[in-house]
Amino acid sequence: MMDLRSRVKLFLKGMSMGAADVVPGVSGGTIAFISGIYEELLSSIKSLGPDTLVVLRKQGVAAAWRQVNGDFLATLLAGIATSVLLLVRPITWALQHQPVLIWSFFFGLIAASVWLCGRLVKHWSFPAFFGLLVGTAAAVVIGLLEPASGSSSLFFYFIAGAIAICAMILPGISGSFILLLMGAYLPVMTALKTFDLPIIVVFATGCLFGLMAFSRLLNWMFAKHHDLTVSTLTGFLLGSLTIIWPWKEVISVRTVHEGKPDQHLEPFIQHNIWPADYATVTEMDRLLGITEKAPMLGWACLLAFVGVALLLFLERLAPERK
């Protein structure tokens, strides 16, 4: 049984994971990784399966609960769910109205996590450096992909959930960003805000399916090829910095329907620019109703520093690694 102090710490880590997963570009797996619960999370998820039902039938609820590390999973999921429900509105508002500041905060958090995760590689051999290179390249390529238009079928949301959850548990690869690429991010966020149960249930079922399958692969990788796995995940983190770079220029926009007849324009394709070029108002900005912009370099650096400080705080909450 977990004591109250351990439950509170784990709940806060879950809230941090939930907040990260809401943002398209940041991975909740990153928070789990740097806060020291990643491998326990994978092991706990892996323990869920047909064997659990056998234990439940033969030995009862208490034995099945212990087998799946129920206290750990329930506390962590409660933190994630609480964070998503409380923060989905303010974070989506910040992404729309203060994108530079919110991206700067997460840029600082992820930049510092590259160093912290790299320290977990026990021996930097050629395979480890190769994994770092592959992970970095994969994240950069994902960031260069153009978003799709999505679909309205429930099966699409099942597939989107299965794919996105695999990314969510990978440090450096954002499940929300994968949803954005698939054209499912806004519909899923809208469903959460409006409690659209059919979409929520189908999406959650897809997440559960993907989680059960992918966690087993990752758990095996950690056990058999620890340094290669950690270095590749560190590369994912490094490459994801190109995705969450705070200063972006809108290349194209799209019409979004959040209800009928309500609709509005939102950025569709963007690319990174230097802060000095950010203040220039483009034609696409005017279409979005933006008449002036400021790089806010000072505030951006401050928020990035806050992100670094939060990461170091979470790292202090991590158990000692052997």
Protein backbone atom coordinates (compact mmCIF):
# COMPACT_ATOMS: atom_id res chain seq x y z
CA MET A 1 0.00 0.00 0.00
CA MET A 2 1.20 3.52 -0.81
CA ASP A 3 1.39 6.08 1.98
CA LEU A 4 -0.30 9.49 1.65
CA ARG A 5 2.91 11.33 0.80
CA SER A 6 3.69 8.93 -2.03
CA ARG A 7 0.13 9.19 -3.35
CA VAL A 8 0.26 13.01 -3.41
CA LYS A 9 3.62 13.01 -5.23
CA LEU A 10 2.37 10.48 -7.78
CA PHE A 11 -0.89 12.39 -8.25
CA LEU A 12 1.09 15.59 -8.99
CA LYS A 13 3.22 13.71 -11.50
CA GLY A 14 0.01 12.48 -13.13
CA MET A 15 -1.29 16.05 -13.32
CA SER A 16 1.96 17.12 -14.96
CA MET A 17 1.62 14.30 -17.50
CA GLY A 18 -1.98 15.31 -18.25
CA ALA A 19 -1.03 18.96 -18.75
CA ALA A 20 1.77 17.94 -21.13
CA ASP A 21 -0.46 15.62 -23.16
CA VAL A 22 -2.98 18.42 -23.81
CA VAL A 23 -0.34 20.42 -25.70
CA PRO A 24 0.37 19.30 -29.30
CA GLY A 25 4.15 19.05 -29.19
CA VAL A 26 4.80 17.90 -25.64
CA SER A 27 4.68 14.30 -24.41
CA GLY A 28 3.31 13.10 -21.10
CA GLY A 29 5.81 10.27 -21.44
CA THR A 30 8.54 12.88 -21.06
CA ILE A 31 7.22 13.82 -17.61
CA ALA A 32 6.98 10.16 -16.60
CA PHE A 33 10.50 9.54 -17.85
CA ILE A 34 12.25 12.40 -16.06
CA SER A 35 10.22 12.01 -12.85
CA GLY A 36 11.37 8.41 -12.44
CA ILE A 37 8.11 6.50 -12.92
CA TYR A 38 8.43 5.55 -16.60
CA GLU A 39 9.64 1.97 -16.27
CA GLU A 40 7.21 1.25 -13.42
CA LEU A 41 4.42 2.64 -15.59
CA LEU A 42 5.35 0.36 -18.49
CA SER A 43 5.65 -2.64 -16.18
CA SER A 44 2.26 -1.91 -14.60
CA ILE A 45 0.55 -1.55 -17.98
CA LYS A 46 2.22 -4.75 -19.19
CA SER A 47 0.78 -6.65 -16.23
CA LEU A 48 -2.75 -5.93 -17.47
CA GLY A 49 -4.08 -8.78 -19.60
CA PRO A 50 -5.87 -12.13 -19.62
CA ASP A 51 -3.85 -13.30 -16.62
CA THR A 52 -5.48 -10.56 -14.58
CA LEU A 53 -8.91 -12.07 -15.19
CA VAL A 54 -7.63 -15.49 -14.11
CA VAL A 55 -6.24 -14.05 -10.86
CA LEU A 56 -9.49 -12.11 -10.33
CA ARG A 57 -11.58 -15.26 -10.71
CA LYS A 58 -9.38 -17.53 -8.58
CA GLN A 59 -7.97 -15.19 -5.91
CA GLY A 60 -10.34 -12.21 -5.82
CA VAL A 61 -10.23 -8.47 -6.37
CA ALA A 62 -7.45 -7.71 -3.86
CA ALA A 63 -5.00 -10.12 -5.50
CA ALA A 64 -5.79 -8.86 -9.01
CA TRP A 65 -5.39 -5.25 -7.80
CA ARG A 66 -1.92 -6.03 -6.42
CA GLN A 67 -0.88 -7.85 -9.60
CA VAL A 68 -1.59 -4.83 -11.81
CA ASN A 69 -0.07 -2.37 -9.30
CA GLY A 70 -3.53 -0.87 -8.92
CA ASP A 71 -2.64 1.79 -6.34
CA PHE A 72 0.04 3.19 -8.67
CA LEU A 73 -2.11 3.15 -11.82
CA ALA A 74 -5.27 4.50 -10.16
CA THR A 75 -3.43 7.41 -8.51
CA LEU A 76 -1.53 8.30 -11.67
CA LEU A 77 -4.63 8.10 -13.91
CA ALA A 78 -6.59 10.21 -11.43
CA GLY A 79 -3.92 12.91 -11.69
CA ILE A 80 -3.88 12.74 -15.50
CA ALA A 81 -7.70 12.90 -15.75
CA THR A 82 -7.92 15.78 -13.25
CA SER A 83 -5.32 17.77 -15.16
CA VAL A 84 -6.92 17.18 -18.57
CA LEU A 85 -10.38 18.20 -17.33
CA LEU A 86 -9.11 21.29 -15.48
CA LEU A 87 -6.49 22.49 -17.95
CA VAL A 88 -7.88 21.65 -21.40
CA ARG A 89 -9.67 25.02 -21.61
CA PRO A 90 -6.92 27.33 -20.28
CA ILE A 91 -4.17 25.57 -22.24
CA THR A 92 -6.11 25.62 -25.53
CA TRP A 93 -6.88 29.31 -24.82
CA ALA A 94 -3.17 30.02 -24.22
CA LEU A 95 -2.20 28.20 -27.42
CA GLN A 96 -4.57 30.47 -29.33
CA HIS A 97 -3.91 33.80 -27.58
CA GLN A 98 -0.40 33.52 -26.10
CA PRO A 99 1.36 30.88 -28.23
CA VAL A 100 4.89 32.27 -27.78
CA LEU A 101 4.68 32.16 -23.98
CA ILE A 102 3.14 28.68 -23.67
CA TRP A 103 5.57 27.21 -26.23
CA SER A 104 8.52 28.93 -24.49
CA PHE A 105 7.58 27.30 -21.20
CA PHE A 106 7.48 23.83 -22.73
CA PHE A 107 10.61 24.52 -24.80
CA GLY A 108 12.56 25.13 -21.60
CA LEU A 109 11.10 22.02 -20.01
CA ILE A 110 11.98 19.77 -22.94
CA ALA A 111 15.43 21.33 -23.51
CA ALA A 112 16.42 20.58 -19.92
CA SER A 113 14.98 17.07 -20.14
CA VAL A 114 17.39 16.26 -23.00
CA TRP A 115 20.29 16.65 -20.57
CA LEU A 116 18.55 14.78 -17.74
CA CYS A 117 17.55 11.86 -19.95
CA GLY A 118 20.99 11.68 -21.55
CA ARG A 119 22.47 11.16 -18.09
CA LEU A 120 20.51 7.91 -17.77
CA VAL A 121 22.56 6.25 -20.51
CA LYS A 122 25.04 4.08 -18.63
CA HIS A 123 27.60 3.82 -21.44
CA TRP A 124 27.68 6.03 -24.55
CA SER A 125 28.77 3.43 -27.10
CA PHE A 126 28.34 3.54 -30.90
CA PRO A 127 24.83 1.96 -30.73
CA ALA A 128 23.79 4.59 -28.16
CA PHE A 129 25.00 7.45 -30.38
CA PHE A 130 23.29 5.83 -33.36
CA GLY A 131 20.04 5.61 -31.37
CA LEU A 132 20.37 9.29 -30.46
CA LEU A 133 20.77 10.19 -34.13
CA VAL A 134 17.83 8.02 -35.25
CA GLY A 135 15.56 9.37 -32.51
CA THR A 136 16.45 12.97 -33.35
CA ALA A 137 15.88 12.45 -37.07
CA ALA A 138 12.54 10.69 -36.50
CA ALA A 139 11.20 13.53 -34.34
CA VAL A 140 12.35 16.18 -36.85
CA VAL A 141 10.71 14.32 -39.75
CA ILE A 142 7.45 13.97 -37.81
CA GLY A 143 7.54 17.71 -37.14
CA LEU A 144 7.89 18.43 -40.87
CA LEU A 145 4.80 16.40 -41.85
CA GLU A 146 1.73 18.37 -42.89
CA PRO A 147 -1.54 17.93 -40.95
CA ALA A 148 -4.33 15.87 -42.51
CA SER A 149 -7.99 16.84 -42.68
CA GLY A 150 -9.22 13.97 -40.48
CA SER A 151 -12.51 12.06 -40.59
CA SER A 152 -15.84 12.03 -38.79
CA SER A 153 -16.21 8.23 -38.40
CA LEU A 154 -15.99 6.62 -34.97
CA PHE A 155 -13.54 4.01 -36.31
CA PHE A 156 -11.18 6.87 -37.21
CA TYR A 157 -11.23 8.03 -33.58
CA PHE A 158 -10.47 4.47 -32.43
CA ILE A 159 -7.40 4.33 -34.72
CA ALA A 160 -6.40 7.86 -33.72
CA GLY A 161 -6.53 6.88 -30.05
CA ALA A 162 -4.47 3.72 -30.59
CA ILE A 163 -1.75 5.59 -32.49
CA ALA A 164 -1.72 8.69 -30.30
CA ILE A 165 -1.39 6.76 -27.04
CA CYS A 166 1.73 5.06 -28.39
CA ALA A 167 3.22 8.51 -28.93
CA MET A 168 2.00 9.77 -25.57
CA ILE A 169 4.04 7.17 -23.69
CA LEU A 170 7.13 7.87 -25.80
CA PRO A 171 9.23 10.67 -24.29
CA GLY A 172 9.65 13.42 -26.87
CA ILE A 173 6.86 12.34 -29.24
CA SER A 174 3.61 14.11 -28.47
CA GLY A 175 0.36 12.20 -28.74
CA SER A 176 -1.44 15.51 -29.16
CA PHE A 177 0.85 16.40 -32.07
CA ILE A 178 0.13 13.04 -33.72
CA LEU A 179 -3.59 13.81 -33.32
CA LEU A 180 -2.95 17.19 -34.94
CA LEU A 181 -1.22 15.52 -37.90
CA MET A 182 -4.15 13.11 -38.26
CA GLY A 183 -6.69 15.93 -38.13
CA ALA A 184 -8.20 14.57 -34.91
CA TYR A 185 -6.82 17.01 -32.32
CA LEU A 186 -9.54 19.66 -32.45
CA PRO A 187 -12.47 17.16 -32.61
CA VAL A 188 -11.10 15.24 -29.61
CA MET A 189 -10.46 18.43 -27.59
CA THR A 190 -13.94 19.68 -28.49
CA ALA A 191 -15.44 16.32 -27.45
CA LEU A 192 -13.69 16.60 -24.07
CA LYS A 193 -14.94 20.15 -23.55
CA THR A 194 -18.52 19.30 -24.58
CA PHE A 195 -18.58 15.76 -23.06
CA ASP A 196 -19.39 14.12 -26.40
CA LEU A 197 -19.57 10.59 -24.97
CA PRO A 198 -19.56 8.52 -28.21
CA ILE A 199 -16.29 10.09 -29.39
CA ILE A 200 -14.76 10.02 -25.91
CA VAL A 201 -15.60 6.34 -25.33
CA VAL A 202 -14.39 5.17 -28.76
CA PHE A 203 -11.21 7.25 -28.52
CA ALA A 204 -10.50 5.94 -24.99
CA THR A 205 -11.04 2.35 -26.18
CA GLY A 206 -8.51 2.90 -28.95
CA CYS A 207 -6.07 4.34 -26.42
CA LEU A 208 -6.45 1.26 -24.21
CA PHE A 209 -5.84 -1.09 -27.13
CA GLY A 210 -2.71 0.77 -28.28
CA LEU A 211 -1.41 1.09 -24.75
CA MET A 212 -1.67 -2.64 -24.03
CA ALA A 213 0.20 -3.56 -27.21
CA PHE A 214 2.91 -0.92 -27.30
CA SER A 215 3.83 -1.00 -23.60
CA ARG A 216 4.94 -4.63 -23.95
CA LEU A 217 7.37 -3.72 -26.73
CA LEU A 218 8.85 -0.82 -24.77
CA ASN A 219 9.13 -2.90 -21.60
CA TRP A 220 11.11 -5.54 -23.53
CA MET A 221 13.36 -2.85 -25.05
CA PHE A 222 14.20 -1.44 -21.62
CA ALA A 223 15.01 -4.89 -20.28
CA LYS A 224 17.13 -6.08 -23.23
CA HIS A 225 18.59 -2.88 -24.74
CA HIS A 226 18.50 -0.24 -22.02
CA ASP A 227 21.14 2.21 -23.28
CA LEU A 228 19.97 2.02 -26.90
CA THR A 229 16.37 2.62 -25.82
CA VAL A 230 17.22 5.56 -23.53
CA SER A 231 19.51 7.20 -26.08
CA THR A 232 16.84 6.87 -28.79
CA LEU A 233 14.26 8.44 -26.48
CA THR A 234 16.74 11.22 -25.71
CA GLY A 235 17.00 11.79 -29.46
CA PHE A 236 13.20 12.02 -29.67
CA LEU A 237 13.35 14.76 -27.05
CA LEU A 238 16.12 16.63 -28.86
CA GLY A 239 14.34 16.46 -32.20
CA SER A 240 11.02 17.55 -30.69
CA LEU A 241 12.54 20.97 -29.92
CA THR A 242 11.96 21.82 -33.58
CA ILE A 243 8.26 21.05 -33.10
CA ILE A 244 7.77 23.28 -30.06
CA TRP A 245 9.96 26.22 -31.16
CA PRO A 246 7.96 29.24 -29.90
CA TRP A 247 8.22 31.55 -32.93
CA LYS A 248 6.32 30.29 -35.96
CA GLU A 249 4.97 31.81 -39.16
CA VAL A 250 1.57 30.70 -40.44
CA ILE A 251 1.77 29.38 -44.02
CA SER A 252 -1.88 28.37 -44.45
CA VAL A 253 -5.13 28.40 -42.49
CA ARG A 254 -8.22 26.21 -42.39
CA THR A 255 -11.86 26.60 -41.44
CA VAL A 256 -12.88 24.88 -38.23
CA HIS A 257 -16.47 23.97 -37.37
CA GLU A 258 -17.04 23.75 -33.61
CA GLY A 259 -20.77 23.67 -33.98
CA LYS A 260 -23.39 24.65 -36.45
CA PRO A 261 -23.40 27.32 -37.72
CA ASP A 262 -20.34 28.50 -35.72
CA GLN A 263 -17.01 28.37 -37.52
CA HIS A 264 -13.66 30.13 -37.46
CA LEU A 265 -10.21 30.07 -39.03
CA GLU A 266 -7.16 28.56 -37.34
CA PRO A 267 -3.50 28.05 -38.35
CA PHE A 268 -3.00 24.89 -40.39
CA ILE A 269 0.62 24.77 -41.60
CA GLN A 270 3.39 26.71 -39.83
CA HIS A 271 7.17 26.84 -39.94
CA ASN A 272 9.80 28.09 -37.52
CA ILE A 273 11.28 31.60 -37.79
CA TRP A 274 13.70 33.68 -35.74
CA PRO A 275 12.29 35.94 -32.99
CA ALA A 276 13.45 39.05 -34.89
CA ASP A 277 11.20 38.09 -37.82
CA TYR A 278 8.15 37.26 -35.70
CA ALA A 279 6.82 40.83 -35.42
CA THR A 280 6.08 41.03 -39.15
CA VAL A 281 2.32 40.71 -39.72
CA THR A 282 1.66 38.55 -42.78
CA GLU A 283 -1.41 38.11 -44.96
CA MET A 284 -2.24 34.87 -43.15
CA ASP A 285 -2.06 36.69 -39.82
CA ARG A 286 -4.58 39.23 -41.05
CA LEU A 287 -6.92 36.41 -42.10
CA LEU A 288 -6.74 35.18 -38.50
CA GLY A 289 -7.58 38.66 -37.21
CA ILE A 290 -4.03 39.39 -36.00
CA THR A 291 -2.99 43.00 -36.55
CA GLU A 292 0.15 43.12 -34.43
CA LYS A 293 2.65 40.67 -32.97
CA ALA A 294 5.59 40.87 -30.61
CA PRO A 295 8.34 38.26 -30.05
CA MET A 296 8.23 38.92 -26.26
CA LEU A 297 11.78 37.61 -26.01
CA GLY A 298 12.23 38.61 -22.37
CA TRP A 299 9.01 36.94 -21.20
CA ALA A 300 9.75 33.93 -23.41
CA CYS A 301 13.15 33.44 -21.76
CA LEU A 302 11.55 33.81 -18.33
CA LEU A 303 8.90 31.19 -19.11
CA ALA A 304 11.56 28.86 -20.53
CA PHE A 305 13.48 29.26 -17.25
CA VAL A 306 10.29 28.40 -15.33
CA GLY A 307 9.99 25.26 -17.47
CA VAL A 308 13.57 24.29 -16.59
CA ALA A 309 12.90 24.95 -12.89
CA LEU A 310 9.73 22.82 -12.96
CA LEU A 311 11.62 19.99 -14.62
CA LEU A 312 14.34 20.07 -11.98
CA PHE A 313 11.65 20.05 -9.28
CA LEU A 314 10.01 16.99 -10.86
CA GLU A 315 13.41 15.33 -11.17
CA ARG A 316 13.95 15.83 -7.42
CA LEU A 317 10.67 14.01 -6.81
CA ALA A 318 12.03 11.01 -8.69
CA PRO A 319 13.24 8.03 -6.68
CA GLU A 320 16.97 7.38 -6.67
CA ARG A 321 18.02 5.52 -9.80
CA LYS A 322 20.51 2.76 -9.43
